[in-house]
Amino acid sequence: MIDIINNYKIKLIFKTLLVVLCALPNIGMAQQTLIPDLMFENKLIGLGVDNVLDGQVETFNIDTITTLDVSNLYISDLSGIEDFNNLKKLYCYQNNLTTLDLSSNIHLTDLMCDYNQLTNLDLTNNTDLSTLMCGFNQLTNLDLSNQSMLVNLFCYNNNITYLDVTNNPYLNDVRCADNNLMELDLTYNTNLEVLSCFNNNLQKLDVSGNYNLRVLFCHNNDLKELNVKNGNNYNFSWSCGLSFYCQGNRNLNCISVDDPNWATLNWTLDSNQIDQQHYFTTNCETTTGIEDYDLNKELIMVTDMLGRKTKITKGIPLLFIYNDGTIEKKLIKQQ
């Protein structure tokens, strides 16, 4: 009986050893992720997720990383980023990237890839994205139709000709200056607080529905119409109160605002905030801009277009401030 038990134990041990021996070829052969860019891999070594500069890294060392900063490292290729399956925040600004494939990083919420050489940026699968900084690249198009959670958009200094933000209702801060935009529809962006869209080719800008807006820089465009009457002009705030700039729009005359008196006093502190021909009123659609002088109202003050008190002078546009709080721009005709 003892021999039978011993023989059973021997067979059991043999089978166990056989299973271990069969598994040995797989030991040490974990899945590898190719990292062709040496600067990228060297950074991973510095982060302690790799130890040999051999063009690859063990996948299980990177697929749990949620935040990755590889900025300012002269990286040209981020291949391998697709295996960072749980990545939420990627900082890869100030590199030499021309392409960036993030289609596998579906949990990404923050992307900062500015100061590269990107010509295309496909964010189709990054539906959780809330902050996007892609300025100072070479983008001509930016599709944000799937980024319904986007809050901060910085895409300045590119070559973008059309920017559709109608599917981004949570946008709070938009900085799209120094592009080639000809139109910008902000109808659905009621949470918008900061808009910087200067140095574009905009011909019309209506922020009357953006009742949280407190900063507007729209200078150096081709504006013919500007409506800033959003019920929140009193809360415009920035450094030293300089929260509104629209100079450099030579085809613009009338600007619709909440309170012309307040706008004249607060949005002309810097001589570069408005052009000489610009004036404020509550409704540009009912203002002709050129009228004969009439003394039917009780006039209390006349100012130039920068809000400085002056005498009535023929041949130049002036602001006439009346005792009922209204302001009119008038041009007294030369006789």
Protein backbone atom coordinates (compact mmCIF):
# COMPACT_ATOMS: atom_id res chain seq x y z
CA MET A 1 0.00 0.00 0.00
CA ILE A 2 2.89 2.33 0.86
CA ASP A 3 4.47 1.63 -2.54
CA ILE A 4 1.24 2.59 -4.29
CA ILE A 5 1.09 5.90 -2.41
CA ASN A 6 4.74 6.63 -3.12
CA ASN A 7 4.26 5.87 -6.81
CA TYR A 8 1.27 8.25 -6.87
CA LYS A 9 3.32 11.02 -5.26
CA ILE A 10 6.15 10.48 -7.73
CA LYS A 11 3.74 10.70 -10.67
CA LEU A 12 2.16 13.85 -9.24
CA ILE A 13 5.56 15.51 -8.81
CA PHE A 14 6.53 14.48 -12.33
CA LYS A 15 3.37 16.00 -13.79
CA THR A 16 3.95 19.24 -11.89
CA LEU A 17 7.52 19.46 -13.14
CA LEU A 18 6.32 18.79 -16.67
CA VAL A 19 3.85 21.69 -16.49
CA VAL A 20 6.59 24.02 -15.19
CA LEU A 21 9.01 22.92 -17.89
CA CYS A 22 6.42 23.51 -20.59
CA ALA A 23 5.85 27.05 -19.29
CA LEU A 24 9.54 27.94 -19.19
CA PRO A 25 9.76 29.06 -22.86
CA ASN A 26 7.12 31.74 -22.14
CA ILE A 27 8.86 33.10 -19.07
CA GLY A 28 10.64 36.38 -19.88
CA MET A 29 8.73 36.76 -23.16
CA ALA A 30 6.26 39.47 -22.11
CA GLN A 31 4.61 41.59 -24.80
CA GLN A 32 6.84 44.36 -26.14
CA THR A 33 5.93 47.81 -27.47
CA LEU A 34 8.18 49.25 -30.15
CA ILE A 35 9.62 52.71 -29.37
CA PRO A 36 11.58 53.75 -32.50
CA ASP A 37 12.43 57.28 -31.29
CA LEU A 38 15.52 57.17 -29.09
CA MET A 39 14.66 60.40 -27.29
CA PHE A 40 11.23 59.03 -26.42
CA GLU A 41 12.63 55.76 -25.10
CA ASN A 42 15.37 57.54 -23.19
CA LYS A 43 12.66 59.52 -21.38
CA LEU A 44 10.87 56.27 -20.51
CA ILE A 45 14.11 54.96 -19.05
CA GLY A 46 14.36 58.12 -16.98
CA LEU A 47 10.83 57.51 -15.74
CA GLY A 48 11.82 54.01 -14.63
CA VAL A 49 9.50 52.09 -16.94
CA ASP A 50 12.33 50.88 -19.18
CA ASN A 51 15.98 50.00 -18.52
CA VAL A 52 17.66 49.28 -21.85
CA LEU A 53 17.85 51.57 -24.89
CA ASP A 54 16.88 48.89 -27.41
CA GLY A 55 13.92 50.37 -29.27
CA GLN A 56 11.26 48.65 -27.19
CA VAL A 57 9.64 48.59 -23.78
CA GLU A 58 7.63 45.96 -21.96
CA THR A 59 3.97 46.81 -22.51
CA PHE A 60 2.86 45.95 -18.98
CA ASN A 61 5.15 48.74 -17.71
CA ILE A 62 3.30 51.45 -19.66
CA ASP A 63 -0.32 50.37 -20.08
CA THR A 64 -1.30 51.64 -16.62
CA ILE A 65 0.31 55.10 -16.91
CA THR A 66 -2.27 57.91 -16.72
CA THR A 67 -0.04 61.00 -17.07
CA LEU A 68 2.93 61.32 -19.42
CA ASP A 69 5.15 64.38 -19.89
CA VAL A 70 7.60 64.11 -22.80
CA SER A 71 7.84 67.83 -23.58
CA ASN A 72 10.85 69.68 -25.00
CA LEU A 73 12.88 66.57 -25.86
CA TYR A 74 13.30 66.89 -29.67
CA ILE A 75 11.07 63.86 -30.18
CA SER A 76 10.12 63.26 -33.83
CA ASP A 77 8.06 60.10 -33.45
CA LEU A 78 5.67 59.11 -30.66
CA SER A 79 5.01 55.64 -32.03
CA GLY A 80 4.29 53.34 -29.13
CA ILE A 81 1.94 55.85 -27.49
CA GLU A 82 -0.93 53.62 -28.65
CA ASP A 83 -0.11 51.06 -25.93
CA PHE A 84 -0.53 53.64 -23.15
CA ASN A 85 -4.08 52.36 -22.85
CA ASN A 86 -5.03 54.28 -19.70
CA LEU A 87 -3.40 57.59 -20.60
CA LYS A 88 -5.45 60.61 -19.56
CA LYS A 89 -2.97 63.49 -19.76
CA LEU A 90 -0.32 63.82 -22.46
CA TYR A 91 2.17 66.70 -22.56
CA CYS A 92 4.29 66.54 -25.70
CA TYR A 93 4.76 70.21 -26.54
CA GLN A 94 8.00 71.68 -27.93
CA ASN A 95 9.11 68.67 -29.96
CA ASN A 96 9.54 67.92 -33.67
CA LEU A 97 6.34 65.97 -34.23
CA THR A 98 4.73 66.11 -37.67
CA THR A 99 2.09 63.42 -36.99
CA LEU A 100 0.39 62.25 -33.83
CA ASP A 101 -1.83 59.16 -33.68
CA LEU A 102 -3.92 59.08 -30.52
CA SER A 103 -6.73 56.89 -31.84
CA SER A 104 -6.05 54.21 -29.21
CA ASN A 105 -5.87 56.62 -26.27
CA ILE A 106 -9.61 56.81 -25.77
CA HIS A 107 -9.39 57.99 -22.13
CA LEU A 108 -7.40 61.13 -22.94
CA THR A 109 -8.73 64.28 -21.22
CA ASP A 110 -5.80 66.71 -21.57
CA LEU A 111 -3.58 67.10 -24.63
CA MET A 112 -0.83 69.70 -24.94
CA CYS A 113 0.96 69.31 -28.24
CA ASP A 114 1.72 72.94 -29.09
CA TYR A 115 5.04 74.07 -30.56
CA ASN A 116 5.49 71.12 -32.92
CA GLN A 117 5.17 70.80 -36.71
CA LEU A 118 1.84 69.00 -36.85
CA THR A 119 -0.04 69.20 -40.15
CA ASN A 120 -2.88 66.93 -39.08
CA LEU A 121 -4.47 66.09 -35.76
CA ASP A 122 -7.14 63.36 -35.70
CA LEU A 123 -9.06 63.41 -32.42
CA THR A 124 -12.02 61.34 -33.58
CA ASN A 125 -11.72 58.75 -30.79
CA ASN A 126 -10.78 61.16 -28.00
CA THR A 127 -14.32 61.90 -26.88
CA ASP A 128 -13.32 62.65 -23.25
CA LEU A 129 -11.01 65.50 -24.20
CA SER A 130 -11.56 68.61 -22.05
CA THR A 131 -8.36 70.60 -22.68
CA LEU A 132 -6.65 70.91 -26.05
CA MET A 133 -3.55 73.01 -26.62
CA CYS A 134 -2.29 72.65 -30.18
CA GLY A 135 -1.00 76.13 -30.96
CA PHE A 136 2.09 76.94 -33.00
CA ASN A 137 1.74 74.06 -35.44
CA GLN A 138 0.87 73.88 -39.14
CA LEU A 139 -2.74 72.75 -38.89
CA THR A 140 -5.14 73.82 -41.63
CA ASN A 141 -8.13 71.95 -40.24
CA LEU A 142 -9.31 70.95 -36.78
CA ASP A 143 -12.29 68.63 -36.41
CA LEU A 144 -13.85 68.96 -32.94
CA SER A 145 -17.21 67.39 -33.73
CA ASN A 146 -16.66 64.50 -31.26
CA GLN A 147 -15.27 66.59 -28.40
CA SER A 148 -18.53 67.46 -26.64
CA MET A 149 -16.72 67.71 -23.27
CA LEU A 150 -14.15 70.26 -24.46
CA VAL A 151 -13.67 73.19 -22.05
CA ASN A 152 -10.37 74.83 -23.06
CA LEU A 153 -9.30 75.24 -26.68
CA PHE A 154 -5.97 76.86 -27.56
CA CYS A 155 -5.32 76.51 -31.31
CA TYR A 156 -3.61 79.83 -31.98
CA ASN A 157 -0.85 80.31 -34.57
CA ASN A 158 -1.90 77.74 -37.15
CA ASN A 159 -3.36 78.01 -40.65
CA ILE A 160 -6.92 77.04 -39.77
CA THR A 161 -9.51 78.46 -42.17
CA TYR A 162 -12.67 77.04 -40.57
CA LEU A 163 -13.40 76.24 -36.94
CA ASP A 164 -16.70 74.58 -36.01
CA VAL A 165 -17.40 74.69 -32.26
CA THR A 166 -21.15 74.10 -32.42
CA ASN A 167 -20.74 70.65 -30.81
CA ASN A 168 -18.72 72.00 -27.88
CA PRO A 169 -21.27 73.50 -25.46
CA TYR A 170 -18.93 73.52 -22.44
CA LEU A 171 -16.24 75.69 -23.99
CA ASN A 172 -15.01 78.25 -21.48
CA ASP A 173 -11.78 79.57 -22.97
CA VAL A 174 -11.17 79.78 -26.74
CA ARG A 175 -7.93 81.17 -28.12
CA CYS A 176 -7.86 80.88 -31.90
CA ALA A 177 -5.83 83.97 -32.76
CA ASP A 178 -3.37 84.09 -35.66
CA ASN A 179 -5.21 81.81 -38.05
CA ASN A 180 -7.14 82.39 -41.29
CA LEU A 181 -10.68 82.27 -39.92
CA MET A 182 -13.35 84.10 -41.90
CA GLU A 183 -16.29 83.17 -39.65
CA LEU A 184 -16.89 81.94 -36.12
CA ASP A 185 -20.29 80.78 -34.89
CA LEU A 186 -20.50 80.93 -31.09
CA THR A 187 -24.26 80.53 -30.79
CA TYR A 188 -24.06 77.29 -28.79
CA ASN A 189 -21.16 78.28 -26.52
CA THR A 190 -23.06 79.96 -23.70
CA ASN A 191 -20.39 79.03 -21.12
CA LEU A 192 -17.71 80.99 -22.96
CA GLU A 193 -15.80 83.44 -20.75
CA VAL A 194 -12.65 84.22 -22.75
CA LEU A 195 -12.42 84.69 -26.52
CA SER A 196 -9.17 85.62 -28.21
CA CYS A 197 -9.64 85.64 -31.98
CA PHE A 198 -7.41 88.49 -33.14
CA ASN A 199 -5.31 88.39 -36.31
CA ASN A 200 -7.83 86.52 -38.44
CA ASN A 201 -10.10 87.46 -41.35
CA LEU A 202 -13.40 87.63 -39.47
CA GLN A 203 -16.03 89.88 -41.06
CA LYS A 204 -18.79 89.43 -38.50
CA LEU A 205 -18.72 88.56 -34.81
CA ASP A 206 -21.77 88.16 -32.62
CA VAL A 207 -21.24 87.34 -28.92
CA SER A 208 -24.60 88.67 -27.76
CA GLY A 209 -25.62 85.16 -26.68
CA ASN A 210 -22.42 84.54 -24.73
CA TYR A 211 -23.69 86.03 -21.49
CA ASN A 212 -20.70 84.78 -19.45
CA LEU A 213 -18.11 86.44 -21.67
CA ARG A 214 -15.70 88.70 -19.79
CA VAL A 215 -12.72 88.98 -22.16
CA LEU A 216 -12.80 89.73 -25.90
CA PHE A 217 -9.76 90.31 -28.08
CA CYS A 218 -10.91 90.61 -31.70
CA HIS A 219 -8.48 93.19 -33.02
CA ASN A 220 -6.85 93.05 -36.46
CA ASN A 221 -9.64 91.36 -38.38
CA ASP A 222 -11.89 92.54 -41.20
CA LEU A 223 -14.96 93.12 -39.05
CA LYS A 224 -17.92 95.00 -40.46
CA GLU A 225 -20.33 93.95 -37.69
CA LEU A 226 -19.63 93.49 -33.98
CA ASN A 227 -22.28 92.76 -31.37
CA VAL A 228 -21.04 92.61 -27.77
CA LYS A 229 -24.43 93.34 -26.20
CA ASN A 230 -24.57 90.23 -24.01
CA GLY A 231 -25.79 91.64 -20.68
CA ASN A 232 -22.41 91.05 -19.05
CA ASN A 233 -20.27 94.00 -20.20
CA TYR A 234 -19.97 95.30 -16.63
CA ASN A 235 -18.17 92.10 -15.65
CA PHE A 236 -15.52 92.25 -18.36
CA SER A 237 -12.26 91.90 -16.47
CA TRP A 238 -8.59 91.40 -17.29
CA SER A 239 -5.28 92.92 -16.33
CA CYS A 240 -5.90 96.58 -15.38
CA GLY A 241 -9.40 96.30 -16.83
CA LEU A 242 -8.12 96.00 -20.41
CA SER A 243 -10.51 93.22 -21.37
CA PHE A 244 -11.74 94.48 -24.72
CA TYR A 245 -9.72 95.18 -27.88
CA CYS A 246 -11.08 95.63 -31.40
CA GLN A 247 -8.74 98.10 -33.04
CA GLY A 248 -7.43 97.29 -36.51
CA ASN A 249 -10.91 96.77 -37.99
CA ARG A 250 -11.03 99.66 -40.44
CA ASN A 251 -14.38 98.68 -41.97
CA LEU A 252 -16.12 98.69 -38.59
CA ASN A 253 -17.92 101.76 -37.25
CA CYS A 254 -20.71 100.85 -34.88
CA ILE A 255 -20.33 98.40 -31.94
CA SER A 256 -23.43 97.17 -30.10
CA VAL A 257 -22.92 97.10 -26.31
CA ASP A 258 -24.97 96.99 -23.10
CA ASP A 259 -24.24 100.56 -22.04
CA PRO A 260 -22.55 103.02 -24.44
CA ASN A 261 -21.55 105.37 -21.59
CA TRP A 262 -19.89 102.59 -19.64
CA ALA A 263 -18.17 101.17 -22.73
CA THR A 264 -16.83 104.57 -23.69
CA LEU A 265 -15.38 105.11 -20.23
CA ASN A 266 -13.96 101.62 -19.70
CA TRP A 267 -13.02 100.37 -23.15
CA THR A 268 -10.95 103.38 -24.21
CA LEU A 269 -8.44 103.38 -21.36
CA ASP A 270 -5.78 102.26 -23.82
CA SER A 271 -5.69 104.26 -27.05
CA ASN A 272 -5.22 100.99 -28.94
CA GLN A 273 -8.50 99.42 -27.78
CA ILE A 274 -10.67 100.90 -30.54
CA ASP A 275 -10.15 102.68 -33.84
CA GLN A 276 -10.91 106.37 -34.28
CA GLN A 277 -14.08 105.69 -36.26
CA HIS A 278 -15.47 103.17 -33.75
CA TYR A 279 -18.37 104.16 -31.51
CA PHE A 280 -20.67 102.36 -29.07
CA THR A 281 -24.45 102.16 -29.11
CA THR A 282 -27.12 99.81 -27.81
CA ASN A 283 -28.31 98.86 -31.29
CA CYS A 284 -26.24 99.38 -34.40
CA GLU A 285 -29.15 98.36 -36.63
CA THR A 286 -31.02 101.58 -35.79
CA THR A 287 -27.98 103.87 -36.00
CA THR A 288 -27.18 105.63 -39.26
CA GLY A 289 -23.79 106.91 -38.13
CA ILE A 290 -24.10 110.14 -40.16
CA GLU A 291 -26.69 112.67 -39.05
CA ASP A 292 -27.34 116.40 -39.06
CA TYR A 293 -26.72 118.03 -35.72
CA ASP A 294 -29.94 118.59 -33.74
CA LEU A 295 -30.37 120.44 -30.44
CA ASN A 296 -33.81 119.02 -29.58
CA LYS A 297 -32.27 116.91 -26.78
CA GLU A 298 -30.45 118.38 -23.81
CA LEU A 299 -26.80 117.86 -24.61
CA ILE A 300 -24.49 117.49 -21.62
CA MET A 301 -21.16 116.54 -23.22
CA VAL A 302 -19.39 116.01 -26.53
CA THR A 303 -16.40 113.68 -26.80
CA ASP A 304 -14.16 112.37 -29.51
CA MET A 305 -14.14 108.66 -30.41
CA LEU A 306 -11.75 107.91 -27.53
CA GLY A 307 -14.07 109.45 -24.94
CA ARG A 308 -12.12 112.69 -24.52
CA LYS A 309 -14.21 115.83 -24.01
CA THR A 310 -14.03 118.14 -26.99
CA LYS A 311 -15.83 120.96 -28.80
CA ILE A 312 -18.30 120.42 -31.61
CA THR A 313 -16.24 120.31 -34.77
CA LYS A 314 -17.49 119.88 -38.30
CA GLY A 315 -16.22 117.10 -40.54
CA ILE A 316 -15.16 114.58 -37.89
CA PRO A 317 -17.23 111.92 -36.04
CA LEU A 318 -18.12 112.85 -32.46
CA LEU A 319 -20.03 111.27 -29.58
CA PHE A 320 -22.98 113.33 -28.27
CA ILE A 321 -23.99 112.42 -24.71
CA TYR A 322 -27.47 113.50 -23.60
CA ASN A 323 -29.14 113.94 -20.25
CA ASP A 324 -31.35 110.86 -20.82
CA GLY A 325 -28.27 108.61 -20.92
CA THR A 326 -28.26 108.07 -24.67
CA ILE A 327 -25.19 108.46 -26.82
CA GLU A 328 -25.21 109.23 -30.51
CA LYS A 329 -22.43 109.38 -32.99
CA LYS A 330 -22.84 112.40 -35.23
CA LEU A 331 -20.98 113.85 -38.14
CA ILE A 332 -21.66 117.57 -38.53
CA LYS A 333 -21.64 118.21 -42.25
CA GLN A 334 -19.38 120.85 -43.70
CA GLN A 335 -21.35 123.79 -45.12
